Amino acid sequence: MEDNSFKKRMGFLIFAIILDAAANALMIDSNVGSAVWMASGVNISHLINVPYGTTLFVYAVLVTVANQILIGNFDGHIFISNLLFSLPFSYLVGFFSNLYLPLHFDQLNIVLRVTIDIIGLIGVSVGTSIYQRCNLIQHPNDELAYLLRFKYLHGSAGWGQLISYTPPVTIMLICYLSTGKLLSVGIGTLLAVFIQGIIIGISDKIVVPSLKHHYVL
């Protein structure tokens, strides 16, 4: 049975945003590889010397515009909802990252750091799955993968996620050519590239299965 209650979907949405932000911060602070968009944001933030939260928000605005181009016509609901999601999320990631600093995840042994990173990746994927199915608002980066998945790739979560990584990977390449180094890129980043979409697809079926996708394009 589908759970169409607005109140319940709003509750799940808030939970998913917090989970996603907290999990992304775990990946950042473990220092063995952030999710692809987050890693790209870390690198461009250091390159142009702008606060991380601000960098993520500007990134989100640019992707929001790209989503409108993919849709093929201006969709005010998606445009506004993407921006409404981005502002609190961008700064929540920074908040949780600072919150974890006293725990010194980056000083733990490599096995524990990789474990924390994988837990973060699973949390990011589950959070993404939940808020996509709430059908209220979602982050423009995930909107991009969602549009690719359902409009161009026959519903494949894996391919949608993978192809959506083209912009952040390109940005990281530019940062590397400019500075000679990459930050927040490692095992977790590679895992995110190849399995985040798969975990999202699995989560769609087993995590709050009463929430269903409502693709309407």
N, C-alpha and C. Protein backbone atom coordinates (compact mmCIF):
# COMPACT_ATOMS: atom_id res chain seq x y z
N MET A 1 0.85 -1.21 0.00
CA MET A 1 0.00 0.00 0.00
C MET A 1 0.88 1.25 0.00
N GLU A 2 0.61 2.20 -0.90
CA GLU A 2 1.40 3.40 -0.98
C GLU A 2 1.07 4.33 0.18
N ASP A 3 2.13 4.99 0.68
CA ASP A 3 1.92 5.92 1.79
C ASP A 3 1.87 7.33 1.21
N ASN A 4 0.66 7.83 0.98
CA ASN A 4 0.50 9.13 0.33
C ASN A 4 0.19 10.25 1.32
N SER A 5 0.23 9.99 2.60
CA SER A 5 -0.04 11.01 3.58
C SER A 5 1.03 12.09 3.52
N PHE A 6 0.60 13.33 3.30
CA PHE A 6 1.55 14.44 3.20
C PHE A 6 2.36 14.58 4.48
N LYS A 7 1.69 14.44 5.62
CA LYS A 7 2.37 14.59 6.90
C LYS A 7 3.47 13.55 7.07
N LYS A 8 3.16 12.31 6.70
CA LYS A 8 4.16 11.25 6.83
C LYS A 8 5.30 11.45 5.85
N ARG A 9 4.97 11.85 4.62
CA ARG A 9 6.02 12.08 3.63
C ARG A 9 6.92 13.23 4.05
N MET A 10 6.33 14.27 4.65
CA MET A 10 7.14 15.39 5.15
C MET A 10 8.07 14.93 6.27
N GLY A 11 7.57 14.07 7.14
CA GLY A 11 8.40 13.55 8.21
C GLY A 11 9.56 12.73 7.68
N PHE A 12 9.27 11.87 6.70
CA PHE A 12 10.33 11.08 6.09
C PHE A 12 11.32 11.97 5.35
N LEU A 13 10.83 13.04 4.72
CA LEU A 13 11.71 13.97 4.00
C LEU A 13 12.70 14.62 4.96
N ILE A 14 12.22 15.13 6.09
CA ILE A 14 13.09 15.78 7.06
C ILE A 14 14.13 14.78 7.58
N PHE A 15 13.67 13.57 7.88
CA PHE A 15 14.58 12.53 8.35
C PHE A 15 15.65 12.24 7.29
N ALA A 16 15.23 12.13 6.03
CA ALA A 16 16.16 11.79 4.95
C ALA A 16 17.19 12.88 4.72
N ILE A 17 16.77 14.15 4.81
CA ILE A 17 17.72 15.26 4.63
C ILE A 17 18.79 15.22 5.72
N ILE A 18 18.36 15.02 6.96
CA ILE A 18 19.31 14.97 8.08
C ILE A 18 20.24 13.76 7.93
N LEU A 19 19.66 12.60 7.59
CA LEU A 19 20.46 11.39 7.39
C LEU A 19 21.48 11.59 6.29
N ASP A 20 21.06 12.15 5.18
CA ASP A 20 21.95 12.35 4.04
C ASP A 20 23.09 13.29 4.39
N ALA A 21 22.78 14.39 5.07
CA ALA A 21 23.81 15.36 5.45
C ALA A 21 24.79 14.75 6.44
N ALA A 22 24.27 14.05 7.46
CA ALA A 22 25.12 13.43 8.47
C ALA A 22 26.01 12.36 7.85
N ALA A 23 25.46 11.58 6.91
CA ALA A 23 26.22 10.52 6.27
C ALA A 23 27.29 11.08 5.34
N ASN A 24 26.97 12.14 4.60
CA ASN A 24 27.97 12.79 3.76
C ASN A 24 29.13 13.32 4.61
N ALA A 25 28.80 13.89 5.75
CA ALA A 25 29.84 14.41 6.65
C ALA A 25 30.72 13.28 7.18
N LEU A 26 30.13 12.11 7.44
CA LEU A 26 30.93 10.94 7.85
C LEU A 26 31.97 10.60 6.80
N MET A 27 31.53 10.61 5.54
CA MET A 27 32.46 10.28 4.46
C MET A 27 33.57 11.32 4.34
N ILE A 28 33.21 12.58 4.53
CA ILE A 28 34.22 13.65 4.45
C ILE A 28 35.24 13.51 5.58
N ASP A 29 34.75 13.31 6.80
CA ASP A 29 35.64 13.30 7.96
C ASP A 29 36.45 12.00 8.09
N SER A 30 35.97 10.92 7.46
CA SER A 30 36.76 9.69 7.49
C SER A 30 38.04 9.84 6.67
N ASN A 31 38.01 10.76 5.73
CA ASN A 31 39.17 11.11 4.91
C ASN A 31 39.70 9.94 4.09
N VAL A 32 38.80 9.05 3.66
CA VAL A 32 39.20 8.00 2.73
C VAL A 32 38.30 8.01 1.49
N GLY A 33 37.68 9.15 1.24
CA GLY A 33 36.89 9.29 0.03
C GLY A 33 35.45 9.69 0.27
N SER A 34 35.09 10.89 -0.18
CA SER A 34 33.72 11.37 -0.05
C SER A 34 32.89 10.92 -1.25
N ALA A 35 31.58 11.07 -1.13
CA ALA A 35 30.71 10.88 -2.29
C ALA A 35 31.15 11.84 -3.38
N VAL A 36 30.86 11.51 -4.63
CA VAL A 36 31.47 12.20 -5.76
C VAL A 36 31.20 13.71 -5.76
N TRP A 37 29.93 14.11 -5.62
CA TRP A 37 29.62 15.54 -5.62
C TRP A 37 30.27 16.24 -4.43
N MET A 38 30.28 15.59 -3.26
CA MET A 38 30.89 16.20 -2.08
C MET A 38 32.39 16.38 -2.27
N ALA A 39 33.05 15.35 -2.82
CA ALA A 39 34.50 15.43 -3.06
C ALA A 39 34.81 16.55 -4.04
N SER A 40 33.99 16.65 -5.07
CA SER A 40 34.18 17.72 -6.04
C SER A 40 34.03 19.09 -5.37
N GLY A 41 33.02 19.20 -4.47
CA GLY A 41 32.82 20.45 -3.75
C GLY A 41 33.98 20.80 -2.85
N VAL A 42 34.56 19.80 -2.17
CA VAL A 42 35.72 20.03 -1.31
C VAL A 42 36.88 20.60 -2.13
N ASN A 43 37.12 20.01 -3.29
CA ASN A 43 38.25 20.44 -4.11
C ASN A 43 38.07 21.84 -4.68
N ILE A 44 36.88 22.14 -5.18
CA ILE A 44 36.69 23.47 -5.74
C ILE A 44 36.64 24.53 -4.64
N SER A 45 36.16 24.13 -3.44
CA SER A 45 36.16 25.04 -2.30
C SER A 45 37.58 25.47 -1.94
N HIS A 46 38.50 24.49 -1.92
CA HIS A 46 39.89 24.81 -1.62
C HIS A 46 40.55 25.58 -2.76
N LEU A 47 40.16 25.26 -3.98
CA LEU A 47 40.78 25.92 -5.13
C LEU A 47 40.45 27.41 -5.16
N ILE A 48 39.18 27.76 -4.89
CA ILE A 48 38.77 29.17 -4.98
C ILE A 48 38.67 29.84 -3.61
N ASN A 49 39.00 29.07 -2.55
CA ASN A 49 39.04 29.60 -1.18
C ASN A 49 37.70 30.21 -0.75
N VAL A 50 36.65 29.41 -0.90
CA VAL A 50 35.30 29.80 -0.51
C VAL A 50 34.78 28.76 0.49
N PRO A 51 34.03 29.17 1.53
CA PRO A 51 33.51 28.20 2.50
C PRO A 51 32.79 27.04 1.82
N TYR A 52 32.94 25.86 2.40
CA TYR A 52 32.42 24.64 1.79
C TYR A 52 30.90 24.70 1.59
N GLY A 53 30.17 25.15 2.61
CA GLY A 53 28.72 25.23 2.51
C GLY A 53 28.28 26.14 1.38
N THR A 54 28.95 27.27 1.25
CA THR A 54 28.63 28.22 0.18
C THR A 54 28.93 27.61 -1.19
N THR A 55 30.06 26.90 -1.28
CA THR A 55 30.43 26.25 -2.54
C THR A 55 29.36 25.25 -2.95
N LEU A 56 28.89 24.45 -2.00
CA LEU A 56 27.87 23.45 -2.30
C LEU A 56 26.59 24.10 -2.78
N PHE A 57 26.23 25.23 -2.17
CA PHE A 57 24.98 25.89 -2.56
C PHE A 57 25.08 26.47 -3.97
N VAL A 58 26.22 27.11 -4.29
CA VAL A 58 26.39 27.66 -5.64
C VAL A 58 26.38 26.53 -6.67
N TYR A 59 27.07 25.44 -6.34
CA TYR A 59 27.05 24.24 -7.16
C TYR A 59 25.61 23.81 -7.43
N ALA A 60 24.81 23.79 -6.38
CA ALA A 60 23.43 23.34 -6.48
C ALA A 60 22.61 24.24 -7.40
N VAL A 61 22.85 25.54 -7.33
CA VAL A 61 22.13 26.47 -8.20
C VAL A 61 22.44 26.18 -9.67
N LEU A 62 23.71 25.94 -9.97
CA LEU A 62 24.12 25.65 -11.36
C LEU A 62 23.48 24.35 -11.86
N VAL A 63 23.45 23.34 -10.99
CA VAL A 63 22.85 22.06 -11.38
C VAL A 63 21.33 22.21 -11.55
N THR A 64 20.71 23.06 -10.72
CA THR A 64 19.28 23.33 -10.85
C THR A 64 18.96 23.86 -12.24
N VAL A 65 19.78 24.76 -12.73
CA VAL A 65 19.59 25.32 -14.08
C VAL A 65 19.76 24.22 -15.13
N ALA A 66 20.77 23.36 -14.93
CA ALA A 66 21.01 22.26 -15.87
C ALA A 66 19.80 21.32 -15.91
N ASN A 67 19.18 21.09 -14.76
CA ASN A 67 18.01 20.22 -14.71
C ASN A 67 16.87 20.76 -15.56
N GLN A 68 16.70 22.08 -15.51
CA GLN A 68 15.64 22.70 -16.31
C GLN A 68 15.88 22.48 -17.80
N ILE A 69 17.14 22.52 -18.18
CA ILE A 69 17.50 22.28 -19.60
C ILE A 69 17.16 20.84 -19.98
N LEU A 70 17.46 19.89 -19.08
CA LEU A 70 17.16 18.48 -19.34
C LEU A 70 15.66 18.23 -19.45
N ILE A 71 14.89 18.92 -18.60
CA ILE A 71 13.44 18.75 -18.63
C ILE A 71 12.87 19.22 -19.97
N GLY A 72 13.47 20.26 -20.52
CA GLY A 72 13.05 20.75 -21.84
C GLY A 72 12.10 21.92 -21.78
N ASN A 73 11.60 22.23 -20.60
CA ASN A 73 10.77 23.41 -20.41
C ASN A 73 10.86 23.81 -18.94
N PHE A 74 10.53 25.06 -18.65
CA PHE A 74 10.69 25.52 -17.27
C PHE A 74 9.64 24.88 -16.37
N ASP A 75 10.12 24.21 -15.32
CA ASP A 75 9.23 23.59 -14.33
C ASP A 75 9.47 24.32 -13.01
N GLY A 76 8.58 25.24 -12.68
CA GLY A 76 8.75 26.07 -11.50
C GLY A 76 8.80 25.28 -10.21
N HIS A 77 8.00 24.21 -10.13
CA HIS A 77 7.98 23.39 -8.90
C HIS A 77 9.34 22.75 -8.66
N ILE A 78 9.90 22.12 -9.70
CA ILE A 78 11.20 21.47 -9.55
C ILE A 78 12.30 22.50 -9.29
N PHE A 79 12.24 23.64 -9.99
CA PHE A 79 13.26 24.68 -9.83
C PHE A 79 13.29 25.18 -8.38
N ILE A 80 12.14 25.54 -7.86
CA ILE A 80 12.07 26.09 -6.50
C ILE A 80 12.38 25.01 -5.46
N SER A 81 11.85 23.80 -5.67
CA SER A 81 12.08 22.74 -4.69
C SER A 81 13.54 22.35 -4.62
N ASN A 82 14.23 22.36 -5.76
CA ASN A 82 15.67 22.08 -5.75
C ASN A 82 16.43 23.08 -4.90
N LEU A 83 16.07 24.36 -5.05
CA LEU A 83 16.75 25.41 -4.28
C LEU A 83 16.38 25.33 -2.80
N LEU A 84 15.12 25.02 -2.51
CA LEU A 84 14.67 24.90 -1.11
C LEU A 84 15.41 23.78 -0.40
N PHE A 85 15.68 22.70 -1.11
CA PHE A 85 16.42 21.58 -0.52
C PHE A 85 17.88 21.97 -0.31
N SER A 86 18.46 22.65 -1.29
CA SER A 86 19.91 22.89 -1.30
C SER A 86 20.40 23.75 -0.15
N LEU A 87 19.65 24.78 0.20
CA LEU A 87 20.15 25.73 1.19
C LEU A 87 20.38 25.08 2.55
N PRO A 88 19.38 24.44 3.17
CA PRO A 88 19.65 23.82 4.47
C PRO A 88 20.61 22.65 4.36
N PHE A 89 20.50 21.86 3.29
CA PHE A 89 21.36 20.68 3.15
C PHE A 89 22.83 21.07 3.07
N SER A 90 23.14 22.08 2.26
CA SER A 90 24.53 22.48 2.08
C SER A 90 25.20 22.84 3.39
N TYR A 91 24.48 23.56 4.25
CA TYR A 91 25.06 23.99 5.51
C TYR A 91 24.95 22.92 6.59
N LEU A 92 23.99 21.99 6.46
CA LEU A 92 23.90 20.86 7.39
C LEU A 92 25.12 19.96 7.25
N VAL A 93 25.59 19.76 6.02
CA VAL A 93 26.79 18.94 5.81
C VAL A 93 27.98 19.56 6.55
N GLY A 94 28.14 20.87 6.41
CA GLY A 94 29.21 21.57 7.12
C GLY A 94 29.05 21.46 8.63
N PHE A 95 27.80 21.57 9.10
CA PHE A 95 27.53 21.47 10.54
C PHE A 95 27.95 20.11 11.08
N PHE A 96 27.52 19.03 10.41
CA PHE A 96 27.85 17.69 10.89
C PHE A 96 29.34 17.41 10.77
N SER A 97 29.96 17.91 9.72
CA SER A 97 31.40 17.71 9.57
C SER A 97 32.16 18.33 10.73
N ASN A 98 31.77 19.53 11.13
CA ASN A 98 32.40 20.18 12.28
C ASN A 98 32.06 19.46 13.58
N LEU A 99 30.84 18.92 13.66
CA LEU A 99 30.41 18.19 14.85
C LEU A 99 31.26 16.95 15.09
N TYR A 100 31.68 16.31 13.99
CA TYR A 100 32.48 15.08 14.11
C TYR A 100 33.96 15.35 14.39
N LEU A 101 34.42 16.58 14.21
CA LEU A 101 35.85 16.86 14.33
C LEU A 101 36.47 16.38 15.64
N PRO A 102 35.82 16.58 16.81
CA PRO A 102 36.43 16.11 18.06
C PRO A 102 36.62 14.59 18.13
N LEU A 103 35.94 13.85 17.25
CA LEU A 103 36.06 12.40 17.25
C LEU A 103 37.30 11.93 16.48
N HIS A 104 37.91 12.84 15.71
CA HIS A 104 39.17 12.56 15.01
C HIS A 104 39.11 11.27 14.20
N PHE A 105 38.09 11.15 13.37
CA PHE A 105 37.96 9.97 12.53
C PHE A 105 39.20 9.77 11.65
N ASP A 106 39.79 10.87 11.20
CA ASP A 106 40.92 10.76 10.29
C ASP A 106 42.18 10.21 10.95
N GLN A 107 42.17 10.06 12.28
CA GLN A 107 43.33 9.52 12.99
C GLN A 107 43.15 8.05 13.37
N LEU A 108 42.00 7.48 13.06
CA LEU A 108 41.76 6.06 13.33
C LEU A 108 42.52 5.21 12.32
N ASN A 109 42.63 3.91 12.61
CA ASN A 109 43.31 3.03 11.66
C ASN A 109 42.48 2.90 10.38
N ILE A 110 43.12 2.48 9.32
CA ILE A 110 42.50 2.51 8.00
C ILE A 110 41.25 1.63 7.92
N VAL A 111 41.24 0.50 8.64
CA VAL A 111 40.07 -0.38 8.60
C VAL A 111 38.84 0.32 9.17
N LEU A 112 39.01 1.01 10.30
CA LEU A 112 37.89 1.73 10.91
C LEU A 112 37.45 2.90 10.04
N ARG A 113 38.41 3.58 9.44
CA ARG A 113 38.06 4.72 8.59
C ARG A 113 37.28 4.28 7.36
N VAL A 114 37.70 3.17 6.75
CA VAL A 114 36.97 2.65 5.59
C VAL A 114 35.58 2.19 6.01
N THR A 115 35.47 1.56 7.20
CA THR A 115 34.17 1.13 7.70
C THR A 115 33.24 2.32 7.89
N ILE A 116 33.75 3.39 8.50
CA ILE A 116 32.97 4.61 8.70
C ILE A 116 32.54 5.19 7.35
N ASP A 117 33.46 5.16 6.39
CA ASP A 117 33.17 5.69 5.06
C ASP A 117 32.07 4.91 4.38
N ILE A 118 32.11 3.59 4.48
CA ILE A 118 31.10 2.74 3.86
C ILE A 118 29.73 2.95 4.53
N ILE A 119 29.75 3.08 5.87
CA ILE A 119 28.50 3.38 6.59
C ILE A 119 27.92 4.70 6.08
N GLY A 120 28.81 5.68 5.88
CA GLY A 120 28.37 6.97 5.34
C GLY A 120 27.77 6.82 3.95
N LEU A 121 28.40 6.03 3.09
CA LEU A 121 27.90 5.83 1.74
C LEU A 121 26.52 5.17 1.75
N ILE A 122 26.35 4.18 2.61
CA ILE A 122 25.05 3.52 2.73
C ILE A 122 24.00 4.52 3.21
N GLY A 123 24.38 5.35 4.21
CA GLY A 123 23.46 6.36 4.72
C GLY A 123 23.06 7.36 3.66
N VAL A 124 24.04 7.81 2.86
CA VAL A 124 23.74 8.73 1.77
C VAL A 124 22.76 8.11 0.78
N SER A 125 23.00 6.86 0.43
CA SER A 125 22.16 6.18 -0.56
C SER A 125 20.74 5.96 -0.04
N VAL A 126 20.63 5.54 1.22
CA VAL A 126 19.31 5.32 1.81
C VAL A 126 18.55 6.65 1.91
N GLY A 127 19.24 7.69 2.38
CA GLY A 127 18.61 9.00 2.48
C GLY A 127 18.12 9.50 1.14
N THR A 128 18.94 9.31 0.10
CA THR A 128 18.55 9.72 -1.24
C THR A 128 17.33 8.96 -1.72
N SER A 129 17.33 7.66 -1.50
CA SER A 129 16.18 6.83 -1.89
C SER A 129 14.90 7.30 -1.23
N ILE A 130 14.98 7.60 0.07
CA ILE A 130 13.78 8.00 0.81
C ILE A 130 13.24 9.34 0.30
N TYR A 131 14.11 10.34 0.18
CA TYR A 131 13.55 11.65 -0.18
C TYR A 131 13.15 11.72 -1.65
N GLN A 132 13.74 10.90 -2.50
CA GLN A 132 13.26 10.84 -3.87
C GLN A 132 11.82 10.32 -3.91
N ARG A 133 11.54 9.32 -3.08
CA ARG A 133 10.21 8.71 -3.08
C ARG A 133 9.18 9.51 -2.28
N CYS A 134 9.65 10.47 -1.48
CA CYS A 134 8.70 11.36 -0.80
C CYS A 134 7.98 12.25 -1.80
N ASN A 135 8.63 12.47 -2.95
CA ASN A 135 8.00 13.22 -4.04
C ASN A 135 7.61 14.64 -3.62
N LEU A 136 8.45 15.26 -2.80
CA LEU A 136 8.19 16.63 -2.38
C LEU A 136 9.29 17.55 -2.91
N ILE A 137 10.47 17.43 -2.37
CA ILE A 137 11.62 18.16 -2.89
C ILE A 137 12.83 17.25 -2.83
N GLN A 138 13.84 17.54 -3.66
CA GLN A 138 15.08 16.80 -3.55
C GLN A 138 16.24 17.67 -4.02
N HIS A 139 17.46 17.24 -3.68
CA HIS A 139 18.65 18.00 -4.04
C HIS A 139 18.80 17.99 -5.57
N PRO A 140 19.22 19.11 -6.15
CA PRO A 140 19.35 19.16 -7.62
C PRO A 140 20.32 18.12 -8.17
N ASN A 141 21.38 17.76 -7.41
CA ASN A 141 22.30 16.73 -7.88
C ASN A 141 21.57 15.40 -8.06
N ASP A 142 20.70 15.08 -7.10
CA ASP A 142 19.94 13.84 -7.18
C ASP A 142 18.79 13.97 -8.18
N GLU A 143 18.28 15.19 -8.33
CA GLU A 143 17.27 15.43 -9.36
C GLU A 143 17.86 15.14 -10.74
N LEU A 144 19.12 15.52 -10.93
CA LEU A 144 19.81 15.26 -12.19
C LEU A 144 19.87 13.76 -12.46
N ALA A 145 20.30 12.99 -11.45
CA ALA A 145 20.36 11.53 -11.62
C ALA A 145 18.98 10.95 -11.84
N TYR A 146 17.98 11.52 -11.16
CA TYR A 146 16.59 11.05 -11.26
C TYR A 146 16.04 11.29 -12.66
N LEU A 147 16.31 12.48 -13.20
CA LEU A 147 15.86 12.81 -14.55
C LEU A 147 16.51 11.88 -15.57
N LEU A 148 17.82 11.68 -15.42
CA LEU A 148 18.52 10.79 -16.34
C LEU A 148 17.97 9.37 -16.23
N ARG A 149 17.73 8.93 -15.00
CA ARG A 149 17.26 7.57 -14.74
C ARG A 149 15.93 7.29 -15.42
N PHE A 150 14.96 8.18 -15.23
CA PHE A 150 13.61 7.89 -15.69
C PHE A 150 13.30 8.45 -17.08
N LYS A 151 13.97 9.52 -17.46
CA LYS A 151 13.65 10.12 -18.76
C LYS A 151 14.49 9.55 -19.90
N TYR A 152 15.70 9.11 -19.57
CA TYR A 152 16.61 8.69 -20.63
C TYR A 152 17.14 7.25 -20.49
N LEU A 153 17.08 6.66 -19.28
CA LEU A 153 17.78 5.40 -19.04
C LEU A 153 16.86 4.28 -18.55
N HIS A 154 15.60 4.35 -18.91
CA HIS A 154 14.65 3.26 -18.65
C HIS A 154 14.57 2.85 -17.18
N GLY A 155 14.73 3.82 -16.28
CA GLY A 155 14.58 3.55 -14.85
C GLY A 155 15.79 2.97 -14.16
N SER A 156 16.94 2.90 -14.83
CA SER A 156 18.14 2.32 -14.22
C SER A 156 18.78 3.29 -13.23
N ALA A 157 18.70 2.96 -11.92
CA ALA A 157 19.30 3.82 -10.89
C ALA A 157 20.81 3.86 -11.02
N GLY A 158 21.42 2.69 -11.34
CA GLY A 158 22.87 2.62 -11.46
C GLY A 158 23.42 3.51 -12.56
N TRP A 159 22.84 3.40 -13.77
CA TRP A 159 23.31 4.21 -14.89
C TRP A 159 22.98 5.69 -14.69
N GLY A 160 21.82 5.97 -14.12
CA GLY A 160 21.47 7.37 -13.87
C GLY A 160 22.46 8.03 -12.95
N GLN A 161 22.82 7.33 -11.86
CA GLN A 161 23.79 7.88 -10.92
C GLN A 161 25.16 8.03 -11.56
N LEU A 162 25.58 7.00 -12.31
CA LEU A 162 26.91 7.02 -12.92
C LEU A 162 27.08 8.16 -13.91
N ILE A 163 26.11 8.33 -14.81
CA ILE A 163 26.21 9.38 -15.83
C ILE A 163 26.10 10.77 -15.20
N SER A 164 25.34 10.88 -14.11
CA SER A 164 25.20 12.19 -13.45
C SER A 164 26.51 12.65 -12.83
N TYR A 165 27.48 11.74 -12.70
CA TYR A 165 28.76 12.11 -12.10
C TYR A 165 29.70 12.80 -13.08
N THR A 166 29.32 12.91 -14.34
CA THR A 166 30.20 13.54 -15.33
C THR A 166 30.62 14.95 -14.93
N PRO A 167 29.68 15.85 -14.51
CA PRO A 167 30.11 17.21 -14.13
C PRO A 167 31.08 17.25 -12.94
N PRO A 168 30.79 16.57 -11.80
CA PRO A 168 31.72 16.67 -10.69
C PRO A 168 33.08 16.04 -10.98
N VAL A 169 33.10 14.96 -11.75
CA VAL A 169 34.39 14.34 -12.11
C VAL A 169 35.20 15.29 -12.98
N THR A 170 34.52 15.98 -13.90
CA THR A 170 35.20 16.97 -14.74
C THR A 170 35.78 18.10 -13.89
N ILE A 171 35.00 18.57 -12.91
CA ILE A 171 35.47 19.63 -12.01
C ILE A 171 36.70 19.16 -11.23
N MET A 172 36.67 17.92 -10.73
CA MET A 172 37.82 17.40 -9.98
C MET A 172 39.05 17.31 -10.87
N LEU A 173 38.86 16.93 -12.12
CA LEU A 173 39.99 16.87 -13.05
C LEU A 173 40.60 18.25 -13.24
N ILE A 174 39.76 19.26 -13.38
CA ILE A 174 40.24 20.64 -13.53
C ILE A 174 41.00 21.06 -12.27
N CYS A 175 40.46 20.74 -11.10
CA CYS A 175 41.12 21.08 -9.84
C CYS A 175 42.49 20.40 -9.74
N TYR A 176 42.53 19.14 -10.15
CA TYR A 176 43.80 18.40 -10.09
C TYR A 176 44.83 19.02 -11.03
N LEU A 177 44.42 19.39 -12.23
CA LEU A 177 45.34 20.00 -13.19
C LEU A 177 45.81 21.37 -12.69
N SER A 178 44.98 22.03 -11.87
CA SER A 178 45.33 23.36 -11.36
C SER A 178 46.22 23.30 -10.13
N THR A 179 46.02 22.28 -9.28
CA THR A 179 46.74 22.24 -8.00
C THR A 179 47.71 21.06 -7.87
N GLY A 180 47.53 20.05 -8.70
CA GLY A 180 48.39 18.88 -8.62
C GLY A 180 47.99 17.90 -7.52
N LYS A 181 46.83 18.12 -6.91
CA LYS A 181 46.38 17.19 -5.86
C LYS A 181 44.85 17.14 -5.83
N LEU A 182 44.34 16.07 -5.24
CA LEU A 182 42.91 15.91 -5.05
C LEU A 182 42.62 15.65 -3.58
N LEU A 183 41.59 16.31 -3.06
CA LEU A 183 41.19 16.15 -1.67
C LEU A 183 39.90 15.34 -1.59
N SER A 184 39.74 14.60 -0.49
CA SER A 184 38.51 13.83 -0.23
C SER A 184 38.19 12.82 -1.32
N VAL A 185 39.20 12.37 -2.04
CA VAL A 185 39.01 11.36 -3.07
C VAL A 185 39.75 10.09 -2.64
N GLY A 186 39.05 8.96 -2.68
CA GLY A 186 39.67 7.72 -2.26
C GLY A 186 38.74 6.54 -2.48
N ILE A 187 38.86 5.55 -1.61
CA ILE A 187 38.06 4.33 -1.73
C ILE A 187 36.57 4.65 -1.76
N GLY A 188 36.13 5.52 -0.86
CA GLY A 188 34.71 5.85 -0.79
C GLY A 188 34.19 6.48 -2.06
N THR A 189 35.03 7.29 -2.71
CA THR A 189 34.63 7.94 -3.96
C THR A 189 34.42 6.90 -5.06
N LEU A 190 35.36 5.96 -5.15
CA LEU A 190 35.25 4.91 -6.16
C LEU A 190 34.02 4.04 -5.91
N LEU A 191 33.79 3.71 -4.63
CA LEU A 191 32.61 2.92 -4.30
C LEU A 191 31.34 3.67 -4.67
N ALA A 192 31.33 4.99 -4.41
CA ALA A 192 30.15 5.80 -4.73
C ALA A 192 29.88 5.80 -6.23
N VAL A 193 30.95 5.91 -7.03
CA VAL A 193 30.78 5.93 -8.48
C VAL A 193 30.09 4.67 -8.98
N PHE A 194 30.51 3.52 -8.45
CA PHE A 194 30.05 2.26 -9.03
C PHE A 194 28.89 1.59 -8.30
N ILE A 195 28.68 1.90 -7.02
CA ILE A 195 27.62 1.15 -6.32
C ILE A 195 26.56 2.02 -5.63
N GLN A 196 26.75 3.35 -5.58
CA GLN A 196 25.74 4.16 -4.91
C GLN A 196 24.37 4.01 -5.58
N GLY A 197 24.36 4.04 -6.90
CA GLY A 197 23.09 3.89 -7.61
C GLY A 197 22.45 2.54 -7.34
N ILE A 198 23.27 1.51 -7.22
CA ILE A 198 22.75 0.16 -6.95
C ILE A 198 22.13 0.12 -5.56
N ILE A 199 22.81 0.73 -4.57
CA ILE A 199 22.28 0.76 -3.20
C ILE A 199 20.97 1.54 -3.15
N ILE A 200 20.88 2.63 -3.92
CA ILE A 200 19.64 3.40 -3.99
C ILE A 200 18.52 2.52 -4.53
N GLY A 201 18.81 1.77 -5.60
CA GLY A 201 17.81 0.90 -6.19
C GLY A 201 17.32 -0.16 -5.21
N ILE A 202 18.25 -0.74 -4.43
CA ILE A 202 17.88 -1.74 -3.43
C ILE A 202 17.06 -1.09 -2.32
N SER A 203 17.49 0.11 -1.89
CA SER A 203 16.78 0.82 -0.83
C SER A 203 15.35 1.15 -1.23
N ASP A 204 15.14 1.44 -2.52
CA ASP A 204 13.79 1.71 -3.02
C ASP A 204 12.83 0.57 -2.66
N LYS A 205 13.37 -0.64 -2.64
CA LYS A 205 12.53 -1.83 -2.44
C LYS A 205 12.40 -2.25 -0.99
N ILE A 206 13.43 -1.99 -0.16
CA ILE A 206 13.42 -2.55 1.20
C ILE A 206 13.35 -1.52 2.32
N VAL A 207 13.63 -0.24 2.02
CA VAL A 207 13.58 0.79 3.05
C VAL A 207 12.30 1.62 2.87
N VAL A 208 11.41 1.56 3.83
CA VAL A 208 10.10 2.21 3.73
C VAL A 208 9.46 1.93 2.36
N PRO A 209 9.21 0.66 2.05
CA PRO A 209 8.68 0.31 0.72
C PRO A 209 7.32 0.90 0.41
N SER A 210 6.61 1.41 1.43
CA SER A 210 5.31 2.03 1.16
C SER A 210 5.44 3.34 0.40
N LEU A 211 6.63 3.94 0.43
CA LEU A 211 6.88 5.15 -0.36
C LEU A 211 7.22 4.73 -1.78
N LYS A 212 6.53 5.30 -2.76
CA LYS A 212 6.73 4.92 -4.15
C LYS A 212 7.18 6.12 -4.98
N HIS A 213 7.94 5.83 -6.03
CA HIS A 213 8.34 6.88 -6.97
C HIS A 213 7.10 7.42 -7.69
N HIS A 214 7.10 8.71 -7.91
CA HIS A 214 5.98 9.34 -8.62
C HIS A 214 6.55 10.15 -9.79
N TYR A 215 7.13 9.45 -10.73
CA TYR A 215 7.73 10.15 -11.86
C TYR A 215 6.63 10.60 -12.82
N VAL A 216 6.62 11.92 -13.10
CA VAL A 216 5.49 12.46 -13.87
C VAL A 216 5.90 13.19 -15.14
N LEU A 217 7.19 13.19 -15.48
CA LEU A 217 7.59 13.91 -16.69
C LEU A 217 7.07 13.21 -17.94
